[in-house]
Structures are given as C-alpha cells and as structure tokens.
Amino acid sequence: MVLPTYNGAAYLEAQLASIHAQTLQPNRVILRDDGSSDGTAALIAHLQERYGAWLQVLSADGNLGCTANVNRLLEATNAPYVALADQDDLWLPQKLEQALALMQQLEALNGADTPLLVHSDLELVDGQAQRLGSRYLQRQRLDPHRTDPVDLALTNVVTGCTALLNRALLQKALPIPAEALMHDWWLALVASAFGQIALVEEPGVLYRQHGSNVLGAQGLGLAYWRQRLQALQADPAAGGHTRAALQQAALFEQRYGLPISALPPLLHLRRRRRWWALLRLPVEQRPWKHGPLRTLGLYGLLAWMPR
C-alpha cells in the first residue's frame, strides 16, 4: 500500500498503527513525504525504526503536490494489489481483508487482466476520532452505484483513501496526468471505462474532519453553495469545478481515444448555441448530477459559462 504525507505529524502515527493492526496486514507500506515543515520528517524517521523494512520511505525530493506525490508512490510498487491511504484517517481492523476478498471475487468473474477498483464508504469522526453519527456518502448525498463514465465525468464517488487497485488498473491508468483533478478521480474514470468499480458496503475508514482536510465532508448546506458561488464570482471565466471536470474528461479522451462525456466540445460554443446543443443531446448523453439542485446548478452554469 502507499501513503503520501504532508504536514501530518498530528495523526500519522495513529494511522500507521491502524494499518499495521489490520486482520490482513499489507506486505509493505511505501511512504513519501512531500516537503513537510511540521515535524513529519522526524516522526517518519522514528516510525522507520519501529516498523523496519515493512515501512519503505521514498526520498523526499521537493514538493510535488498531492496527485503527483501519489503517482510517484504508485510507480514505485509492482505489487499485484495496491491500497491507498491518507495520513490522518484510521483504518477499521477488517478494512483491507474485506476489500481484497471483493477484489478477488471480481477477478474470478472478470479475469485478472481487467482493471478493477474496490472502495468503501467512510465513517465521519472529529479530530479526536469521536464518531459524528454519519457517513461520507450520506453526508455528501452521493449515490456510489452511479459509476458509469458519463456520471463519473461530472461527479467522483470514489474516495481515494478507501480504494484498493489491481495491477491491471495501474498499468492502464499510470502515469496520472498532472492536469487530473485528483488521483482517485482519474483512477475511477479508468476503472469505469475499461473495467469495473465495486463498493464494500460497510465503512472501512474513520474519516477525520479536523479543519485541515484537503477536501473533507462539506455537506450540501448553505456553506457549500456559498463557497461555490464565491468561487464563480472571483473568477467568472473559469467555470469553477465543472470546467475543470470537463477538461479532465477531454484529457481522458485525448489519452485513450474514448469519449466519456458529450459536454467538453460544448464549451467551445457560444452560450446560445451551447444551450441549444445541450437541449438536443440524446437523453442518455444529457448530464444528470446527484440530486436536482446539483443538476439545476450544472445546467445554469453550462448555459452561462463563457467559452
């Protein structure tokens, strides 16, 4: 398994202990720090002494950013299965065992040469690992079974720190492009387009909400919509998260020659022509996000966004 770190001294030791205590312990943990300034490097040296060769640390040669750091880690392993982990979560004891059991069932049905990704929901906890009484997918109002490429092009339902990947997926997906929105989103797109994504129904991870999460579980309250509106007001031409997602879909088509969304070409049209083109799309190609408010916001944004 691979574990990227960056300023994670507060929680890294507990997370690594939860991984070491798995009912099915990973053969090796490969870790790379991305230029921390909070004492993480010293903690990693201490953890290396504790865990020995089980914890392999790659050289820290500068700050690459999250996606490039994960890509570096994934390229450093030739294991048949690779799990992703975040530095600040806690793994529940049977997390890896359950994921591998489902993965091997899928390989028995589809063949080991099929790109496969297994993931799970997450139990939300606070900074002290006290349960908050909700799960991530519920809080975000996401349907984890909407994993067709046309759906994933707009909304990612795979949280990377829960994911288990097979070798066929890594061979197909790597290297992860620097322009990809997030590593887990890219991996999910590749698995959806060329293989299969499956969900372990029970949460395998305690997902800390501590104020410094890169993403976290924001929910869909007023704060979420205010944040989206402020981002658009700050840079109206950018189109926010939606434009970035469609640029990622276009990048996917460039690499694999496989269109996964009818929307990227529409961004090159003038607003009025784009609106008519959107309405004329076949029903199966029309974009539908998770819930009516998200879908309404998407159509409004697509009609309003500058080229």
C-alpha atoms as a PDB file:
ATOM      1  CA  MET A   1       0.000   0.000   0.000  1.00  0.00           C
ATOM      2  CA  VAL A   2       1.032   3.620  -0.490  1.00  0.00           C
ATOM      3  CA  LEU A   3       0.843   6.509   1.949  1.00  0.00           C
ATOM      4  CA  PRO A   4       1.554  10.122   0.913  1.00  0.00           C
ATOM      5  CA  THR A   5       2.296  12.564   3.719  1.00  0.00           C
ATOM      6  CA  TYR A   6       2.424  16.329   4.068  1.00  0.00           C
ATOM      7  CA  ASN A   7       2.396  18.113   7.433  1.00  0.00           C
ATOM      8  CA  GLY A   8       0.755  15.093   9.009  1.00  0.00           C
ATOM      9  CA  ALA A   9       2.622  14.809  12.305  1.00  0.00           C
ATOM     10  CA  ALA A  10      -0.542  15.103  14.403  1.00  0.00           C
ATOM     11  CA  TYR A  11      -2.184  11.920  13.111  1.00  0.00           C
ATOM     12  CA  LEU A  12       0.335   9.860  11.124  1.00  0.00           C
ATOM     13  CA  GLU A  13       1.487   7.637  13.990  1.00  0.00           C
ATOM     14  CA  ALA A  14      -2.060   6.547  14.855  1.00  0.00           C
ATOM     15  CA  GLN A  15      -2.938   5.921  11.204  1.00  0.00           C
ATOM     16  CA  LEU A  16       0.125   3.754  10.625  1.00  0.00           C
ATOM     17  CA  ALA A  17      -0.673   1.776  13.776  1.00  0.00           C
ATOM     18  CA  SER A  18      -4.212   1.108  12.487  1.00  0.00           C
ATOM     19  CA  ILE A  19      -2.786  -0.166   9.198  1.00  0.00           C
ATOM     20  CA  HIS A  20      -0.256  -2.390  10.981  1.00  0.00           C
ATOM     21  CA  ALA A  21      -3.088  -3.858  13.101  1.00  0.00           C
ATOM     22  CA  GLN A  22      -5.181  -4.984  10.111  1.00  0.00           C
ATOM     23  CA  THR A  23      -6.594  -8.512  10.179  1.00  0.00           C
ATOM     24  CA  LEU A  24      -4.910  -8.781   6.769  1.00  0.00           C
ATOM     25  CA  GLN A  25      -1.731  -6.765   7.137  1.00  0.00           C
ATOM     26  CA  PRO A  26      -0.302  -5.253   3.936  1.00  0.00           C
ATOM     27  CA  ASN A  27       3.056  -6.727   2.933  1.00  0.00           C
ATOM     28  CA  ARG A  28       4.626  -3.290   2.802  1.00  0.00           C
ATOM     29  CA  VAL A  29       3.804   0.385   3.230  1.00  0.00           C
ATOM     30  CA  ILE A  30       5.523   2.780   0.833  1.00  0.00           C
ATOM     31  CA  LEU A  31       5.569   6.346   2.131  1.00  0.00           C
ATOM     32  CA  ARG A  32       6.767   9.594   0.611  1.00  0.00           C
ATOM     33  CA  ASP A  33       6.727  12.946   2.367  1.00  0.00           C
ATOM     34  CA  ASP A  34       6.042  15.955   0.164  1.00  0.00           C
ATOM     35  CA  GLY A  35       8.195  18.546   1.929  1.00  0.00           C
ATOM     36  CA  SER A  36       6.552  18.836   5.349  1.00  0.00           C
ATOM     37  CA  SER A  37       7.527  21.619   7.745  1.00  0.00           C
ATOM     38  CA  ASP A  38       5.778  20.440  10.937  1.00  0.00           C
ATOM     39  CA  GLY A  39       7.977  17.651  12.243  1.00  0.00           C
ATOM     40  CA  THR A  40       6.573  14.935   9.989  1.00  0.00           C
ATOM     41  CA  ALA A  41      10.062  14.076   8.673  1.00  0.00           C
ATOM     42  CA  ALA A  42      11.393  13.437  12.196  1.00  0.00           C
ATOM     43  CA  LEU A  43       8.345  11.330  13.017  1.00  0.00           C
ATOM     44  CA  ILE A  44       8.829   9.259   9.863  1.00  0.00           C
ATOM     45  CA  ALA A  45      12.429   8.525  10.881  1.00  0.00           C
ATOM     46  CA  HIS A  46      11.158   7.365  14.286  1.00  0.00           C
ATOM     47  CA  LEU A  47       8.475   5.185  12.669  1.00  0.00           C
ATOM     48  CA  GLN A  48      11.053   3.620  10.359  1.00  0.00           C
ATOM     49  CA  GLU A  49      12.979   2.448  13.403  1.00  0.00           C
ATOM     50  CA  ARG A  50       9.795   0.975  14.879  1.00  0.00           C
ATOM     51  CA  TYR A  51       8.494  -0.831  11.805  1.00  0.00           C
ATOM     52  CA  GLY A  52      11.731  -1.656   9.997  1.00  0.00           C
ATOM     53  CA  ALA A  53      11.581  -2.856   6.382  1.00  0.00           C
ATOM     54  CA  TRP A  54       7.761  -3.023   6.486  1.00  0.00           C
ATOM     55  CA  LEU A  55       7.792   0.778   6.134  1.00  0.00           C
ATOM     56  CA  GLN A  56       9.651   1.839   2.991  1.00  0.00           C
ATOM     57  CA  VAL A  57      10.266   5.583   2.678  1.00  0.00           C
ATOM     58  CA  LEU A  58      10.968   7.143  -0.703  1.00  0.00           C
ATOM     59  CA  SER A  59      13.323  10.096  -0.943  1.00  0.00           C
ATOM     60  CA  ALA A  60      11.703  13.474  -0.341  1.00  0.00           C
ATOM     61  CA  ASP A  61      12.920  15.471  -3.334  1.00  0.00           C
ATOM     62  CA  GLY A  62      10.729  18.537  -3.111  1.00  0.00           C
ATOM     63  CA  ASN A  63       7.058  19.394  -3.067  1.00  0.00           C
ATOM     64  CA  LEU A  64       5.169  17.711  -5.915  1.00  0.00           C
ATOM     65  CA  GLY A  65       1.583  18.251  -4.800  1.00  0.00           C
ATOM     66  CA  CYS A  66      -0.934  15.593  -3.824  1.00  0.00           C
ATOM     67  CA  THR A  67      -1.655  13.952  -7.185  1.00  0.00           C
ATOM     68  CA  ALA A  68       1.984  13.858  -8.321  1.00  0.00           C
ATOM     69  CA  ASN A  69       3.045  12.502  -4.933  1.00  0.00           C
ATOM     70  CA  VAL A  70       0.546   9.647  -5.193  1.00  0.00           C
ATOM     71  CA  ASN A  71       1.641   8.992  -8.773  1.00  0.00           C
ATOM     72  CA  ARG A  72       5.270   8.746  -7.649  1.00  0.00           C
ATOM     73  CA  LEU A  73       4.280   6.237  -4.974  1.00  0.00           C
ATOM     74  CA  LEU A  74       2.179   4.111  -7.322  1.00  0.00           C
ATOM     75  CA  GLU A  75       5.002   3.970  -9.844  1.00  0.00           C
ATOM     76  CA  ALA A  76       7.344   2.719  -7.085  1.00  0.00           C
ATOM     77  CA  THR A  77       5.459  -0.537  -6.493  1.00  0.00           C
ATOM     78  CA  ASN A  78       4.894  -3.643  -8.609  1.00  0.00           C
ATOM     79  CA  ALA A  79       2.533  -5.321  -6.119  1.00  0.00           C
ATOM     80  CA  PRO A  80      -0.472  -7.164  -7.620  1.00  0.00           C
ATOM     81  CA  TYR A  81      -2.826  -5.107  -5.415  1.00  0.00           C
ATOM     82  CA  VAL A  82      -2.242  -1.622  -4.028  1.00  0.00           C
ATOM     83  CA  ALA A  83      -4.293   0.176  -1.386  1.00  0.00           C
ATOM     84  CA  LEU A  84      -4.305   3.943  -0.981  1.00  0.00           C
ATOM     85  CA  ALA A  85      -4.247   5.586   2.443  1.00  0.00           C
ATOM     86  CA  ASP A  86      -4.318   9.123   3.823  1.00  0.00           C
ATOM     87  CA  GLN A  87      -2.131  10.236   6.696  1.00  0.00           C
ATOM     88  CA  ASP A  88      -4.850  11.464   9.046  1.00  0.00           C
ATOM     89  CA  ASP A  89      -7.506   8.729   8.980  1.00  0.00           C
ATOM     90  CA  LEU A  90      -7.858   5.484  10.915  1.00  0.00           C
ATOM     91  CA  TRP A  91      -8.455   2.131   9.277  1.00  0.00           C
ATOM     92  CA  LEU A  92     -11.001  -0.192  10.840  1.00  0.00           C
ATOM     93  CA  PRO A  93      -9.479  -3.640  11.512  1.00  0.00           C
ATOM     94  CA  GLN A  94     -11.058  -5.588   8.618  1.00  0.00           C
ATOM     95  CA  LYS A  95     -10.812  -2.836   6.029  1.00  0.00           C
ATOM     96  CA  LEU A  96      -8.139  -4.440   3.848  1.00  0.00           C
ATOM     97  CA  GLU A  97      -9.368  -8.007   4.283  1.00  0.00           C
ATOM     98  CA  GLN A  98     -12.874  -7.096   3.119  1.00  0.00           C
ATOM     99  CA  ALA A  99     -11.607  -5.096   0.150  1.00  0.00           C
ATOM    100  CA  LEU A 100      -9.268  -7.852  -1.036  1.00  0.00           C
ATOM    101  CA  ALA A 101     -11.996 -10.501  -0.728  1.00  0.00           C
ATOM    102  CA  LEU A 102     -14.273  -8.466  -3.005  1.00  0.00           C
ATOM    103  CA  MET A 103     -11.396  -7.714  -5.397  1.00  0.00           C
ATOM    104  CA  GLN A 104     -10.588 -11.417  -5.779  1.00  0.00           C
ATOM    105  CA  GLN A 105     -14.255 -12.221  -6.390  1.00  0.00           C
ATOM    106  CA  LEU A 106     -14.271  -9.666  -9.207  1.00  0.00           C
ATOM    107  CA  GLU A 107     -11.078 -11.051 -10.702  1.00  0.00           C
ATOM    108  CA  ALA A 108     -12.532 -14.567 -10.622  1.00  0.00           C
ATOM    109  CA  LEU A 109     -15.500 -13.294 -12.649  1.00  0.00           C
ATOM    110  CA  ASN A 110     -13.745 -10.843 -14.965  1.00  0.00           C
ATOM    111  CA  GLY A 111     -10.136 -12.027 -15.136  1.00  0.00           C
ATOM    112  CA  ALA A 112      -7.038 -10.542 -13.541  1.00  0.00           C
ATOM    113  CA  ASP A 113      -6.325  -8.537 -16.695  1.00  0.00           C
ATOM    114  CA  THR A 114      -9.465  -6.423 -16.128  1.00  0.00           C
ATOM    115  CA  PRO A 115      -8.848  -3.026 -14.463  1.00  0.00           C
ATOM    116  CA  LEU A 116     -10.655  -3.149 -11.108  1.00  0.00           C
ATOM    117  CA  LEU A 117     -11.170  -0.735  -8.239  1.00  0.00           C
ATOM    118  CA  VAL A 118     -12.789  -1.572  -4.884  1.00  0.00           C
ATOM    119  CA  HIS A 119     -13.749   1.180  -2.448  1.00  0.00           C
ATOM    120  CA  SER A 120     -15.972   1.794   0.561  1.00  0.00           C
ATOM    121  CA  ASP A 121     -17.902   4.417   2.448  1.00  0.00           C
ATOM    122  CA  LEU A 122     -16.288   6.297   5.358  1.00  0.00           C
ATOM    123  CA  GLU A 123     -17.427   6.876   8.939  1.00  0.00           C
ATOM    124  CA  LEU A 124     -17.063  10.554   9.847  1.00  0.00           C
ATOM    125  CA  VAL A 125     -15.177  11.358  13.060  1.00  0.00           C
ATOM    126  CA  ASP A 126     -13.797  14.531  14.609  1.00  0.00           C
ATOM    127  CA  GLY A 127     -10.143  15.344  15.216  1.00  0.00           C
ATOM    128  CA  GLN A 128     -10.129  13.151  18.324  1.00  0.00           C
ATOM    129  CA  ALA A 129     -11.628  10.203  16.404  1.00  0.00           C
ATOM    130  CA  GLN A 130     -15.036  10.594  18.062  1.00  0.00           C
ATOM    131  CA  ARG A 131     -17.808   9.407  15.741  1.00  0.00           C
ATOM    132  CA  LEU A 132     -20.077  12.125  14.351  1.00  0.00           C
ATOM    133  CA  GLY A 133     -23.007   9.812  13.609  1.00  0.00           C
ATOM    134  CA  SER A 134     -22.933   9.990   9.830  1.00  0.00           C
ATOM    135  CA  ARG A 135     -21.190   8.548   6.816  1.00  0.00           C
ATOM    136  CA  TYR A 136     -19.470  10.348   3.989  1.00  0.00           C
ATOM    137  CA  LEU A 137     -21.691   9.275   1.087  1.00  0.00           C
ATOM    138  CA  GLN A 138     -24.805  10.074   3.092  1.00  0.00           C
ATOM    139  CA  ARG A 139     -23.486  13.478   4.112  1.00  0.00           C
ATOM    140  CA  GLN A 140     -22.494  14.361   0.563  1.00  0.00           C
ATOM    141  CA  ARG A 141     -25.709  12.871  -0.877  1.00  0.00           C
ATOM    142  CA  LEU A 142     -23.837  10.750  -3.376  1.00  0.00           C
ATOM    143  CA  ASP A 143     -25.035   7.534  -4.985  1.00  0.00           C
ATOM    144  CA  PRO A 144     -21.974   5.223  -5.055  1.00  0.00           C
ATOM    145  CA  HIS A 145     -23.574   2.985  -7.665  1.00  0.00           C
ATOM    146  CA  ARG A 146     -23.526   5.719 -10.316  1.00  0.00           C
ATOM    147  CA  THR A 147     -20.159   4.674 -11.741  1.00  0.00           C
ATOM    148  CA  ASP A 148     -20.756   4.784 -15.486  1.00  0.00           C
ATOM    149  CA  PRO A 149     -18.169   7.010 -17.224  1.00  0.00           C
ATOM    150  CA  VAL A 150     -20.826   9.579 -18.175  1.00  0.00           C
ATOM    151  CA  ASP A 151     -21.689  10.005 -14.469  1.00  0.00           C
ATOM    152  CA  LEU A 152     -18.108   9.925 -13.193  1.00  0.00           C
ATOM    153  CA  ALA A 153     -17.098  12.560 -15.719  1.00  0.00           C
ATOM    154  CA  LEU A 154     -19.007  15.100 -13.618  1.00  0.00           C
ATOM    155  CA  THR A 155     -19.024  13.630 -10.092  1.00  0.00           C
ATOM    156  CA  ASN A 156     -16.499  11.357  -8.422  1.00  0.00           C
ATOM    157  CA  VAL A 157     -17.941   8.885  -5.913  1.00  0.00           C
ATOM    158  CA  VAL A 158     -14.648   7.134  -5.083  1.00  0.00           C
ATOM    159  CA  THR A 159     -12.711   8.405  -2.072  1.00  0.00           C
ATOM    160  CA  GLY A 160      -9.079   7.514  -2.650  1.00  0.00           C
ATOM    161  CA  CYS A 161      -8.190   6.631   0.921  1.00  0.00           C
ATOM    162  CA  THR A 162     -10.665   3.714   0.771  1.00  0.00           C
ATOM    163  CA  ALA A 163      -9.547   2.360  -2.597  1.00  0.00           C
ATOM    164  CA  LEU A 164      -7.875  -0.928  -3.497  1.00  0.00           C
ATOM    165  CA  LEU A 165      -6.481  -1.179  -7.042  1.00  0.00           C
ATOM    166  CA  ASN A 166      -5.383  -4.194  -9.039  1.00  0.00           C
ATOM    167  CA  ARG A 167      -2.286  -4.322 -11.228  1.00  0.00           C
ATOM    168  CA  ALA A 168      -4.300  -4.179 -14.458  1.00  0.00           C
ATOM    169  CA  LEU A 169      -5.782  -0.835 -13.399  1.00  0.00           C
ATOM    170  CA  LEU A 170      -2.387   0.631 -12.540  1.00  0.00           C
ATOM    171  CA  GLN A 171      -0.935  -0.483 -15.857  1.00  0.00           C
ATOM    172  CA  LYS A 172      -3.787   1.237 -17.671  1.00  0.00           C
ATOM    173  CA  ALA A 173      -4.009   4.430 -15.590  1.00  0.00           C
ATOM    174  CA  LEU A 174      -0.388   5.392 -14.893  1.00  0.00           C
ATOM    175  CA  PRO A 175       1.068   7.882 -15.123  1.00  0.00           C
ATOM    176  CA  ILE A 176      -1.700  10.012 -13.665  1.00  0.00           C
ATOM    177  CA  PRO A 177      -1.680  13.286 -15.646  1.00  0.00           C
ATOM    178  CA  ALA A 178      -0.580  16.381 -13.783  1.00  0.00           C
ATOM    179  CA  GLU A 179      -3.784  18.029 -15.065  1.00  0.00           C
ATOM    180  CA  ALA A 180      -6.055  15.426 -13.446  1.00  0.00           C
ATOM    181  CA  LEU A 181      -8.338  16.951 -10.820  1.00  0.00           C
ATOM    182  CA  MET A 182      -7.479  14.291  -8.229  1.00  0.00           C
ATOM    183  CA  HIS A 183      -5.699  10.954  -8.411  1.00  0.00           C
ATOM    184  CA  ASP A 184      -8.733   9.000  -7.163  1.00  0.00           C
ATOM    185  CA  TRP A 185     -10.993  10.604  -9.756  1.00  0.00           C
ATOM    186  CA  TRP A 186      -8.631   9.642 -12.595  1.00  0.00           C
ATOM    187  CA  LEU A 187      -8.280   6.077 -11.320  1.00  0.00           C
ATOM    188  CA  ALA A 188     -12.067   5.787 -11.025  1.00  0.00           C
ATOM    189  CA  LEU A 189     -12.553   7.007 -14.605  1.00  0.00           C
ATOM    190  CA  VAL A 190     -10.102   4.437 -15.952  1.00  0.00           C
ATOM    191  CA  ALA A 191     -11.659   1.604 -13.929  1.00  0.00           C
ATOM    192  CA  SER A 192     -15.159   2.603 -15.050  1.00  0.00           C
ATOM    193  CA  ALA A 193     -14.264   2.894 -18.730  1.00  0.00           C
ATOM    194  CA  PHE A 194     -12.153  -0.253 -19.042  1.00  0.00           C
ATOM    195  CA  GLY A 195     -13.154  -2.451 -16.124  1.00  0.00           C
ATOM    196  CA  GLN A 196     -15.327  -2.260 -13.036  1.00  0.00           C
ATOM    197  CA  ILE A 197     -15.789  -0.388  -9.762  1.00  0.00           C
ATOM    198  CA  ALA A 198     -17.269  -2.180  -6.743  1.00  0.00           C
ATOM    199  CA  LEU A 199     -18.322  -0.996  -3.301  1.00  0.00           C
ATOM    200  CA  VAL A 200     -17.766  -2.619   0.077  1.00  0.00           C
ATOM    201  CA  GLU A 201     -20.992  -1.570   1.766  1.00  0.00           C
ATOM    202  CA  GLU A 202     -19.580  -1.198   5.291  1.00  0.00           C
ATOM    203  CA  PRO A 203     -17.224   1.721   6.006  1.00  0.00           C
ATOM    204  CA  GLY A 204     -13.579   0.706   6.265  1.00  0.00           C
ATOM    205  CA  VAL A 205     -12.151   4.054   7.331  1.00  0.00           C
ATOM    206  CA  LEU A 206     -12.707   6.553  10.125  1.00  0.00           C
ATOM    207  CA  TYR A 207     -12.503   9.832   8.201  1.00  0.00           C
ATOM    208  CA  ARG A 208     -11.246  12.660  10.388  1.00  0.00           C
ATOM    209  CA  GLN A 209     -12.851  16.082   9.979  1.00  0.00           C
ATOM    210  CA  HIS A 210     -10.307  18.382  11.576  1.00  0.00           C
ATOM    211  CA  GLY A 211     -10.299  21.644   9.643  1.00  0.00           C
ATOM    212  CA  SER A 212      -7.183  20.901   7.571  1.00  0.00           C
ATOM    213  CA  ASN A 213      -8.642  18.279   5.224  1.00  0.00           C
ATOM    214  CA  VAL A 214      -7.807  18.769   1.567  1.00  0.00           C
ATOM    215  CA  LEU A 215     -11.473  18.074   0.748  1.00  0.00           C
ATOM    216  CA  GLY A 216     -13.395  16.640   3.677  1.00  0.00           C
ATOM    217  CA  ALA A 217     -17.129  16.098   4.007  1.00  0.00           C
ATOM    218  CA  GLN A 218     -18.627  19.541   3.488  1.00  0.00           C
ATOM    219  CA  GLY A 219     -22.251  18.509   3.068  1.00  0.00           C
ATOM    220  CA  LEU A 220     -24.688  20.426   0.857  1.00  0.00           C
ATOM    221  CA  GLY A 221     -25.822  23.172   3.188  1.00  0.00           C
ATOM    222  CA  LEU A 222     -25.702  26.928   2.691  1.00  0.00           C
ATOM    223  CA  ALA A 223     -21.935  26.993   3.287  1.00  0.00           C
ATOM    224  CA  TYR A 224     -21.370  24.654   0.324  1.00  0.00           C
ATOM    225  CA  TRP A 225     -23.458  26.700  -2.104  1.00  0.00           C
ATOM    226  CA  ARG A 226     -21.982  29.963  -0.804  1.00  0.00           C
ATOM    227  CA  GLN A 227     -18.490  28.636  -1.437  1.00  0.00           C
ATOM    228  CA  ARG A 228     -19.361  27.591  -4.996  1.00  0.00           C
ATOM    229  CA  LEU A 229     -20.931  30.987  -5.705  1.00  0.00           C
ATOM    230  CA  GLN A 230     -17.958  32.872  -4.284  1.00  0.00           C
ATOM    231  CA  ALA A 231     -15.562  30.853  -6.430  1.00  0.00           C
ATOM    232  CA  LEU A 232     -17.550  31.763  -9.536  1.00  0.00           C
ATOM    233  CA  GLN A 233     -17.712  35.439  -8.574  1.00  0.00           C
ATOM    234  CA  ALA A 234     -13.967  35.517  -8.007  1.00  0.00           C
ATOM    235  CA  ASP A 235     -13.240  34.095 -11.472  1.00  0.00           C
ATOM    236  CA  PRO A 236     -16.348  34.029 -13.672  1.00  0.00           C
ATOM    237  CA  ALA A 237     -14.465  32.833 -16.755  1.00  0.00           C
ATOM    238  CA  ALA A 238     -13.024  29.805 -15.013  1.00  0.00           C
ATOM    239  CA  GLY A 239     -16.292  27.931 -14.615  1.00  0.00           C
ATOM    240  CA  GLY A 240     -15.082  26.539 -11.320  1.00  0.00           C
ATOM    241  CA  HIS A 241     -15.081  22.842 -10.587  1.00  0.00           C
ATOM    242  CA  THR A 242     -17.334  21.988 -13.537  1.00  0.00           C
ATOM    243  CA  ARG A 243     -14.984  23.340 -16.177  1.00  0.00           C
ATOM    244  CA  ALA A 244     -12.062  21.517 -14.540  1.00  0.00           C
ATOM    245  CA  ALA A 245     -14.030  18.245 -14.551  1.00  0.00           C
ATOM    246  CA  LEU A 246     -14.864  18.636 -18.237  1.00  0.00           C
ATOM    247  CA  GLN A 247     -11.243  19.459 -19.047  1.00  0.00           C
ATOM    248  CA  GLN A 248     -10.319  16.221 -17.280  1.00  0.00           C
ATOM    249  CA  ALA A 249     -12.860  14.341 -19.411  1.00  0.00           C
ATOM    250  CA  ALA A 250     -11.317  15.873 -22.544  1.00  0.00           C
ATOM    251  CA  LEU A 251      -7.866  14.840 -21.326  1.00  0.00           C
ATOM    252  CA  PHE A 252      -9.144  11.297 -20.817  1.00  0.00           C
ATOM    253  CA  GLU A 253     -10.417  11.210 -24.405  1.00  0.00           C
ATOM    254  CA  GLN A 254      -7.081  12.513 -25.708  1.00  0.00           C
ATOM    255  CA  ARG A 255      -5.140   9.769 -23.939  1.00  0.00           C
ATOM    256  CA  TYR A 256      -7.424   6.801 -24.596  1.00  0.00           C
ATOM    257  CA  GLY A 257      -9.383   7.851 -27.687  1.00  0.00           C
ATOM    258  CA  LEU A 258     -12.595   7.196 -25.789  1.00  0.00           C
ATOM    259  CA  PRO A 259     -15.153   9.997 -25.241  1.00  0.00           C
ATOM    260  CA  ILE A 260     -16.812   9.724 -21.836  1.00  0.00           C
ATOM    261  CA  SER A 261     -18.905  12.889 -21.972  1.00  0.00           C
ATOM    262  CA  ALA A 262     -20.624  14.873 -24.712  1.00  0.00           C
ATOM    263  CA  LEU A 263     -20.086  18.111 -22.814  1.00  0.00           C
ATOM    264  CA  PRO A 264     -16.419  19.129 -23.402  1.00  0.00           C
ATOM    265  CA  PRO A 265     -16.995  20.111 -27.074  1.00  0.00           C
ATOM    266  CA  LEU A 266     -19.929  22.273 -25.988  1.00  0.00           C
ATOM    267  CA  LEU A 267     -17.599  24.543 -24.016  1.00  0.00           C
ATOM    268  CA  HIS A 268     -16.177  25.835 -27.311  1.00  0.00           C
ATOM    269  CA  LEU A 269     -19.589  27.072 -28.465  1.00  0.00           C
ATOM    270  CA  ARG A 270     -21.105  30.455 -27.801  1.00  0.00           C
ATOM    271  CA  ARG A 271     -23.623  30.491 -24.985  1.00  0.00           C
ATOM    272  CA  ARG A 272     -26.776  30.493 -27.123  1.00  0.00           C
ATOM    273  CA  ARG A 273     -25.540  27.730 -29.405  1.00  0.00           C
ATOM    274  CA  ARG A 274     -24.310  25.772 -26.396  1.00  0.00           C
ATOM    275  CA  TRP A 275     -27.746  25.900 -24.782  1.00  0.00           C
ATOM    276  CA  TRP A 276     -29.438  24.584 -27.924  1.00  0.00           C
ATOM    277  CA  ALA A 277     -26.785  21.889 -28.340  1.00  0.00           C
ATOM    278  CA  LEU A 278     -27.309  20.845 -24.726  1.00  0.00           C
ATOM    279  CA  LEU A 279     -31.065  20.516 -25.185  1.00  0.00           C
ATOM    280  CA  ARG A 280     -30.598  18.485 -28.374  1.00  0.00           C
ATOM    281  CA  LEU A 281     -28.376  15.875 -26.773  1.00  0.00           C
ATOM    282  CA  PRO A 282     -29.824  12.341 -26.700  1.00  0.00           C
ATOM    283  CA  VAL A 283     -31.352  11.532 -23.329  1.00  0.00           C
ATOM    284  CA  GLU A 284     -28.598   9.041 -22.478  1.00  0.00           C
ATOM    285  CA  GLN A 285     -25.950  11.750 -23.048  1.00  0.00           C
ATOM    286  CA  ARG A 286     -27.602  14.515 -21.054  1.00  0.00           C
ATOM    287  CA  PRO A 287     -25.825  15.369 -17.805  1.00  0.00           C
ATOM    288  CA  TRP A 288     -27.505  14.461 -14.534  1.00  0.00           C
ATOM    289  CA  LYS A 289     -25.741  15.131 -11.279  1.00  0.00           C
ATOM    290  CA  HIS A 290     -26.558  13.683  -7.869  1.00  0.00           C
ATOM    291  CA  GLY A 291     -29.802  15.416  -6.929  1.00  0.00           C
ATOM    292  CA  PRO A 292     -31.998  18.077  -8.562  1.00  0.00           C
ATOM    293  CA  LEU A 293     -30.209  21.087  -7.046  1.00  0.00           C
ATOM    294  CA  ARG A 294     -26.835  19.968  -8.347  1.00  0.00           C
ATOM    295  CA  THR A 295     -28.327  19.215 -11.764  1.00  0.00           C
ATOM    296  CA  LEU A 296     -30.105  22.581 -11.939  1.00  0.00           C
ATOM    297  CA  GLY A 297     -26.886  24.338 -10.976  1.00  0.00           C
ATOM    298  CA  LEU A 298     -24.990  22.437 -13.656  1.00  0.00           C
ATOM    299  CA  TYR A 299     -27.400  23.394 -16.441  1.00  0.00           C
ATOM    300  CA  GLY A 300     -27.346  27.016 -15.346  1.00  0.00           C
ATOM    301  CA  LEU A 301     -23.564  27.039 -15.272  1.00  0.00           C
ATOM    302  CA  LEU A 302     -23.255  25.384 -18.673  1.00  0.00           C
ATOM    303  CA  ALA A 303     -25.595  27.944 -20.211  1.00  0.00           C
ATOM    304  CA  TRP A 304     -23.823  30.904 -18.545  1.00  0.00           C
ATOM    305  CA  MET A 305     -20.131  29.993 -18.683  1.00  0.00           C
ATOM    306  CA  PRO A 306     -18.015  31.934 -21.190  1.00  0.00           C
ATOM    307  CA  ARG A 307     -16.111  29.960 -23.810  1.00  0.00           C
END
